Amino acid sequence: MDWETVNIEMEWTHEKVTSLAGWSVDEETVLTIAVYYVLSQKDFNPESFLRTMDALTSRTGWLSPVRGNFVPMLASFLDSLPLSADDAVELLFTKQQTIRKTGFKNTVHSYLAAMLMTSDPATSKVEAKQAKRLYDAMKKQHFLLTSDEDYSYAMLLGKANNDPVHQATLMRRYFDELNKVGFKSGNELQWLSQVLTMDCCSYKNERVTRAEQLMTHIRKRVNLKPMHYPVIGFLAILGCEDDQVEELIGFSNFIAKSDLFKWHKTLAFSFASGYFLQQMIDNRGVPGFSRELTVLIQQAIMAATIATIASKTTSALS
């Protein structure tokens, strides 16, 4: 991995996004959008981005959750698809409506979950129903913690068509065991427990042990926050070795020293992790994992930023 090349690509993309959208959104949002383009391995095209923004804006109203900082955020997601702006937006709204018909709420996270759905209408309906069954089972295990922020995980994990009650029970077991070894209780720990069931719907104590080892080691040299818990889960299920963890830590600390990330060090680890995990999947051709996993990783490492933006947007609009 050529760290300097990645950093230069990040700086170039950030400059382009800033020149186009920097006047309308805060720096955290600009940086998040730039990170997403780099992780998607797609050059930022101002004309294409603007067309997608316009297509999104034309479909939203005052009551839509897609407004404020969320518009450029979703535009960056859609702009990475091999579709025209109008077609990408139309497809997203069609899939989001399918999700809502199953009982999911009309929030920005329902749009993120829609990004993980199959485009075929018949298949997407099945996926939405499977996701809702799993989400409802998760809600019974953790009534207060389970919210719209879990929609994406429910969508991807539901595709495996495991018994939803069994899988939700397994998530709760991982949650409790991880909490005992030092992981803080909260939404982020729930995301980690969901990740650990992604490829295997039976309890594996070695995953709890490995997650504890990873957290203990990484936080000695990186400003590790609960928002990074899902990353630990991905590292565990992908079988990341100690030397690879060292490479990730080194890459993260290198990125954190750059001018772009010196005031956003937690996002520096998120970006480094997303890039590292994506390279891992691409280079090794990990069996059983598909493009959806890559998209979920990109969404997962942005989850805390999106939650922050949601909080700011809600406060500004209230």
Protein backbone atom coordinates (compact mmCIF):
# COMPACT_ATOMS: atom_id res chain seq x y z
CA MET A 1 0.00 0.00 0.00
CA ASP A 2 1.48 3.32 -1.11
CA TRP A 3 0.41 5.62 1.73
CA GLU A 4 1.60 8.81 0.07
CA THR A 5 -0.33 8.09 -3.13
CA VAL A 6 -3.52 7.48 -1.15
CA ASN A 7 -3.00 10.71 0.77
CA ILE A 8 -2.46 12.69 -2.44
CA GLU A 9 -5.63 11.20 -3.91
CA MET A 10 -7.52 12.18 -0.76
CA GLU A 11 -6.19 15.76 -0.89
CA TRP A 12 -7.10 16.10 -4.59
CA THR A 13 -10.63 14.80 -4.04
CA HIS A 14 -11.14 16.99 -0.96
CA GLU A 15 -10.07 20.08 -2.91
CA LYS A 16 -12.56 19.30 -5.70
CA VAL A 17 -15.44 18.66 -3.28
CA THR A 18 -14.62 21.82 -1.33
CA SER A 19 -14.63 23.98 -4.45
CA LEU A 20 -18.08 22.70 -5.37
CA ALA A 21 -19.91 22.09 -2.10
CA GLY A 22 -17.75 23.70 0.57
CA TRP A 23 -19.88 26.83 0.69
CA SER A 24 -23.07 24.92 1.57
CA VAL A 25 -21.96 22.26 4.06
CA ASP A 26 -19.55 22.04 6.96
CA GLU A 27 -15.99 20.74 6.74
CA GLU A 28 -16.88 17.43 8.37
CA THR A 29 -19.42 16.73 5.65
CA VAL A 30 -17.00 17.77 2.88
CA LEU A 31 -14.34 15.47 4.30
CA THR A 32 -16.81 12.61 4.63
CA ILE A 33 -17.90 12.99 0.99
CA ALA A 34 -14.28 13.06 -0.17
CA VAL A 35 -13.54 9.93 1.86
CA TYR A 36 -16.47 8.14 0.26
CA TYR A 37 -15.27 8.93 -3.28
CA VAL A 38 -11.79 7.65 -2.52
CA LEU A 39 -13.16 4.47 -0.93
CA SER A 40 -15.47 3.98 -3.92
CA GLN A 41 -12.43 4.26 -6.22
CA LYS A 42 -14.30 6.81 -8.33
CA ASP A 43 -12.95 10.17 -9.48
CA PHE A 44 -14.99 13.13 -8.32
CA ASN A 45 -16.74 14.64 -11.34
CA PRO A 46 -18.30 18.03 -10.49
CA GLU A 47 -20.83 17.91 -13.33
CA SER A 48 -21.99 14.42 -12.45
CA PHE A 49 -22.20 15.28 -8.74
CA LEU A 50 -24.27 18.40 -9.45
CA ARG A 51 -26.65 16.47 -11.71
CA THR A 52 -27.18 13.94 -8.93
CA MET A 53 -27.72 16.72 -6.37
CA ASP A 54 -30.29 18.36 -8.63
CA ALA A 55 -32.07 15.06 -9.27
CA LEU A 56 -32.26 14.42 -5.52
CA THR A 57 -33.48 17.93 -4.72
CA SER A 58 -36.22 17.72 -7.35
CA ARG A 59 -37.61 14.59 -5.64
CA THR A 60 -37.59 15.86 -2.05
CA GLY A 61 -39.90 18.17 -0.14
CA TRP A 62 -39.99 19.95 3.21
CA LEU A 63 -40.99 16.79 5.06
CA SER A 64 -38.35 14.59 3.47
CA PRO A 65 -35.44 13.40 5.64
CA VAL A 66 -33.22 13.98 2.61
CA ARG A 67 -32.36 17.63 3.11
CA GLY A 68 -29.56 19.82 4.40
CA ASN A 69 -26.23 18.00 4.65
CA PHE A 70 -27.88 14.71 3.73
CA VAL A 71 -28.41 15.79 0.11
CA PRO A 72 -24.70 15.95 -0.86
CA MET A 73 -24.05 12.88 1.30
CA LEU A 74 -26.59 10.77 -0.58
CA ALA A 75 -25.52 12.34 -3.86
CA SER A 76 -22.01 10.99 -3.32
CA PHE A 77 -23.42 7.51 -2.72
CA LEU A 78 -25.58 7.60 -5.85
CA ASP A 79 -22.92 9.20 -8.03
CA SER A 80 -20.76 6.09 -7.59
CA LEU A 81 -23.37 3.94 -9.39
CA PRO A 82 -23.11 3.11 -13.12
CA LEU A 83 -26.41 4.89 -13.82
CA SER A 84 -27.51 8.32 -14.96
CA ALA A 85 -28.37 10.75 -12.17
CA ASP A 86 -32.12 10.57 -12.83
CA ASP A 87 -32.13 6.77 -13.04
CA ALA A 88 -30.05 6.38 -9.87
CA VAL A 89 -32.36 8.67 -7.88
CA GLU A 90 -35.50 7.04 -9.29
CA LEU A 91 -34.20 3.59 -8.38
CA LEU A 92 -33.28 4.70 -4.87
CA PHE A 93 -36.71 6.18 -4.19
CA THR A 94 -38.44 3.11 -5.60
CA LYS A 95 -36.46 0.81 -3.31
CA GLN A 96 -37.00 3.12 -0.33
CA GLN A 97 -40.75 2.97 -0.92
CA THR A 98 -40.53 -0.82 -0.93
CA ILE A 99 -38.78 -0.64 2.44
CA ARG A 100 -41.40 1.70 3.88
CA LYS A 101 -44.24 -0.61 2.81
CA THR A 102 -42.82 -3.30 5.09
CA GLY A 103 -42.98 -0.98 8.10
CA PHE A 104 -39.61 0.78 8.19
CA LYS A 105 -39.75 4.48 9.03
CA ASN A 106 -39.11 7.30 6.59
CA THR A 107 -35.62 8.33 7.73
CA VAL A 108 -32.29 8.85 6.02
CA HIS A 109 -31.27 5.38 7.20
CA SER A 110 -34.05 3.80 5.15
CA TYR A 111 -32.41 5.35 2.10
CA LEU A 112 -29.04 3.96 3.14
CA ALA A 113 -30.59 0.52 3.55
CA ALA A 114 -32.12 0.86 0.08
CA MET A 115 -28.58 1.22 -1.30
CA LEU A 116 -27.99 -2.40 -0.26
CA MET A 117 -31.05 -3.80 -2.01
CA THR A 118 -31.17 -5.68 -5.30
CA SER A 119 -32.52 -3.61 -8.19
CA ASP A 120 -34.97 -6.29 -9.34
CA PRO A 121 -38.42 -5.33 -7.91
CA ALA A 122 -39.51 -8.87 -7.02
CA THR A 123 -36.23 -9.67 -5.28
CA SER A 124 -36.14 -6.33 -3.47
CA LYS A 125 -39.58 -6.98 -1.98
CA VAL A 126 -38.36 -10.28 -0.55
CA GLU A 127 -35.23 -8.61 0.82
CA ALA A 128 -37.27 -5.87 2.49
CA LYS A 129 -39.52 -8.42 4.20
CA GLN A 130 -36.54 -10.47 5.38
CA ALA A 131 -34.88 -7.33 6.72
CA LYS A 132 -38.02 -6.32 8.61
CA ARG A 133 -38.35 -9.75 10.21
CA LEU A 134 -34.76 -9.59 11.39
CA TYR A 135 -35.14 -5.99 12.56
CA ASP A 136 -38.23 -6.88 14.60
CA ALA A 137 -36.37 -9.78 16.22
CA MET A 138 -33.44 -7.46 17.02
CA LYS A 139 -35.89 -4.98 18.55
CA LYS A 140 -37.18 -7.64 20.93
CA GLN A 141 -33.63 -8.36 22.09
CA HIS A 142 -32.68 -4.69 22.51
CA PHE A 143 -35.77 -2.51 22.50
CA LEU A 144 -34.05 0.76 23.43
CA LEU A 145 -30.89 0.38 21.34
CA THR A 146 -32.44 -0.89 18.12
CA SER A 147 -33.39 2.04 15.90
CA ASP A 148 -33.36 3.22 12.29
CA GLU A 149 -29.56 3.27 12.50
CA ASP A 150 -29.73 -0.55 12.34
CA TYR A 151 -31.67 -0.64 9.04
CA SER A 152 -28.58 -1.21 6.86
CA TYR A 153 -27.36 -4.14 8.94
CA ALA A 154 -30.84 -5.68 8.98
CA MET A 155 -31.02 -5.35 5.20
CA LEU A 156 -27.68 -7.00 4.47
CA LEU A 157 -27.88 -9.68 7.17
CA GLY A 158 -31.47 -10.48 6.28
CA LYS A 159 -30.36 -11.55 2.80
CA ALA A 160 -28.81 -14.69 4.29
CA ASN A 161 -32.35 -15.73 5.23
CA ASN A 162 -31.29 -17.18 8.58
CA ASP A 163 -33.87 -17.71 11.29
CA PRO A 164 -34.33 -14.09 12.46
CA VAL A 165 -35.05 -14.99 16.08
CA HIS A 166 -31.95 -17.20 16.27
CA GLN A 167 -29.73 -14.57 14.65
CA ALA A 168 -31.02 -11.76 16.87
CA THR A 169 -30.46 -13.95 19.94
CA LEU A 170 -26.91 -14.59 18.75
CA MET A 171 -26.35 -10.85 18.36
CA ARG A 172 -27.50 -10.31 21.94
CA ARG A 173 -25.14 -13.02 23.18
CA TYR A 174 -22.18 -11.41 21.42
CA PHE A 175 -23.27 -8.02 22.78
CA ASP A 176 -23.33 -9.28 26.37
CA GLU A 177 -20.03 -11.16 26.11
CA LEU A 178 -18.24 -8.22 24.49
CA ASN A 179 -19.61 -5.88 27.12
CA LYS A 180 -18.09 -8.11 29.81
CA VAL A 181 -14.59 -7.79 28.32
CA GLY A 182 -14.59 -4.00 28.11
CA PHE A 183 -16.65 -2.83 25.14
CA LYS A 184 -18.96 0.00 26.11
CA SER A 185 -22.69 -0.64 25.92
CA GLY A 186 -24.41 1.35 23.21
CA ASN A 187 -25.41 1.49 19.54
CA GLU A 188 -21.83 0.96 18.41
CA LEU A 189 -21.49 -2.27 20.36
CA GLN A 190 -24.76 -3.47 18.86
CA TRP A 191 -23.32 -2.82 15.39
CA LEU A 192 -20.25 -4.85 16.30
CA SER A 193 -22.39 -7.73 17.53
CA GLN A 194 -24.31 -7.64 14.24
CA VAL A 195 -21.10 -7.75 12.19
CA LEU A 196 -19.93 -10.87 14.02
CA THR A 197 -23.01 -12.78 12.78
CA MET A 198 -22.49 -11.74 9.17
CA ASP A 199 -20.90 -14.92 7.83
CA CYS A 200 -21.78 -17.44 10.54
CA CYS A 201 -25.00 -17.80 12.52
CA SER A 202 -23.53 -19.80 15.39
CA TYR A 203 -21.66 -18.53 18.44
CA LYS A 204 -17.86 -18.49 18.25
CA ASN A 205 -16.12 -17.51 21.45
CA GLU A 206 -12.84 -17.02 19.57
CA ARG A 207 -14.41 -14.00 17.87
CA VAL A 208 -15.03 -12.36 21.22
CA THR A 209 -11.45 -13.12 22.23
CA ARG A 210 -10.06 -11.75 18.98
CA ALA A 211 -12.22 -8.61 19.18
CA GLU A 212 -10.92 -7.95 22.70
CA GLN A 213 -7.32 -8.45 21.53
CA LEU A 214 -7.82 -6.07 18.61
CA MET A 215 -9.41 -3.37 20.75
CA THR A 216 -6.71 -3.60 23.43
CA HIS A 217 -3.88 -3.43 20.92
CA ILE A 218 -5.25 -0.76 18.58
CA ARG A 219 -6.31 1.72 21.26
CA LYS A 220 -2.75 1.82 22.63
CA ARG A 221 -1.63 3.61 19.47
CA VAL A 222 -4.81 5.03 17.94
CA ASN A 223 -7.51 7.25 19.41
CA LEU A 224 -10.04 4.43 19.22
CA LYS A 225 -13.66 5.39 19.86
CA PRO A 226 -16.87 3.35 20.12
CA MET A 227 -17.70 4.57 16.60
CA HIS A 228 -14.89 2.28 15.42
CA TYR A 229 -16.32 -0.90 16.99
CA PRO A 230 -17.75 -2.20 13.68
CA VAL A 231 -14.24 -1.95 12.17
CA ILE A 232 -13.02 -4.36 14.85
CA GLY A 233 -15.79 -6.73 13.86
CA PHE A 234 -14.80 -6.62 10.18
CA LEU A 235 -11.14 -7.21 11.08
CA ALA A 236 -12.19 -10.23 13.17
CA ILE A 237 -14.43 -11.92 10.58
CA LEU A 238 -11.94 -11.28 7.77
CA GLY A 239 -9.20 -12.98 9.80
CA CYS A 240 -6.87 -9.99 9.89
CA GLU A 241 -3.44 -11.07 11.19
CA ASP A 242 -1.27 -9.13 13.64
CA ASP A 243 1.10 -7.87 10.94
CA GLN A 244 -1.88 -6.56 8.98
CA VAL A 245 -3.17 -4.79 12.08
CA GLU A 246 0.24 -3.12 12.40
CA GLU A 247 0.00 -1.97 8.80
CA LEU A 248 -3.45 -0.50 9.45
CA ILE A 249 -2.26 1.32 12.57
CA GLY A 250 0.73 2.74 10.71
CA PHE A 251 -1.45 3.86 7.81
CA SER A 252 -3.98 5.47 10.15
CA ASN A 253 -1.33 7.40 12.07
CA PHE A 254 0.24 8.56 8.80
CA ILE A 255 -3.12 9.85 7.56
CA ALA A 256 -3.90 11.49 10.91
CA LYS A 257 -0.78 13.67 10.59
CA SER A 258 -1.94 15.19 7.30
CA ASP A 259 -3.42 18.67 7.16
CA LEU A 260 -6.83 17.29 6.19
CA PHE A 261 -7.25 15.08 9.23
CA LYS A 262 -5.34 16.90 11.96
CA TRP A 263 -8.64 18.15 13.43
CA HIS A 264 -10.54 14.97 12.51
CA LYS A 265 -8.38 12.14 13.84
CA THR A 266 -11.29 9.82 14.57
CA LEU A 267 -12.36 10.08 10.93
CA ALA A 268 -8.73 9.42 9.94
CA PHE A 269 -8.93 5.95 11.49
CA SER A 270 -12.30 5.37 9.85
CA PHE A 271 -10.91 6.29 6.43
CA ALA A 272 -7.75 4.22 6.92
CA SER A 273 -9.82 1.24 8.07
CA GLY A 274 -12.24 1.48 5.17
CA TYR A 275 -9.43 1.69 2.64
CA PHE A 276 -7.50 -1.13 4.30
CA LEU A 277 -10.51 -3.47 4.52
CA GLN A 278 -11.49 -2.78 0.93
CA GLN A 279 -7.98 -3.61 -0.26
CA MET A 280 -8.11 -6.77 1.80
CA ILE A 281 -11.33 -7.92 0.17
CA ASP A 282 -10.19 -6.97 -3.35
CA ASN A 283 -6.75 -8.56 -3.08
CA ARG A 284 -7.80 -11.79 -1.42
CA GLY A 285 -11.12 -12.33 -3.15
CA VAL A 286 -12.71 -13.22 0.17
CA PRO A 287 -15.30 -15.98 -0.47
CA GLY A 288 -18.86 -15.35 0.64
CA PHE A 289 -18.49 -11.58 0.51
CA SER A 290 -19.78 -9.39 -2.27
CA ARG A 291 -20.10 -5.78 -3.33
CA GLU A 292 -22.80 -5.35 -0.67
CA LEU A 293 -20.23 -5.99 2.07
CA THR A 294 -17.96 -3.30 0.63
CA VAL A 295 -20.89 -0.87 0.59
CA LEU A 296 -21.80 -1.81 4.16
CA ILE A 297 -18.22 -1.22 5.32
CA GLN A 298 -18.29 2.20 3.67
CA GLN A 299 -21.61 2.97 5.37
CA ALA A 300 -20.48 1.57 8.71
CA ILE A 301 -17.37 3.69 8.96
CA MET A 302 -19.47 6.75 8.14
CA ALA A 303 -22.26 5.88 10.60
CA ALA A 304 -21.03 8.05 13.45
CA THR A 305 -20.46 11.00 11.13
CA ILE A 306 -23.93 10.60 9.67
CA ALA A 307 -25.37 10.44 13.19
CA THR A 308 -23.53 13.66 14.05
CA ILE A 309 -24.84 15.34 10.91
CA ALA A 310 -28.35 14.13 11.76
CA SER A 311 -28.08 15.67 15.20
CA LYS A 312 -26.84 18.98 13.79
CA THR A 313 -29.54 19.02 11.11
CA THR A 314 -32.28 18.26 13.59
CA SER A 315 -31.08 21.02 15.91
CA ALA A 316 -30.89 23.52 13.04
CA LEU A 317 -34.38 22.68 11.84
CA SER A 318 -36.05 22.61 15.27
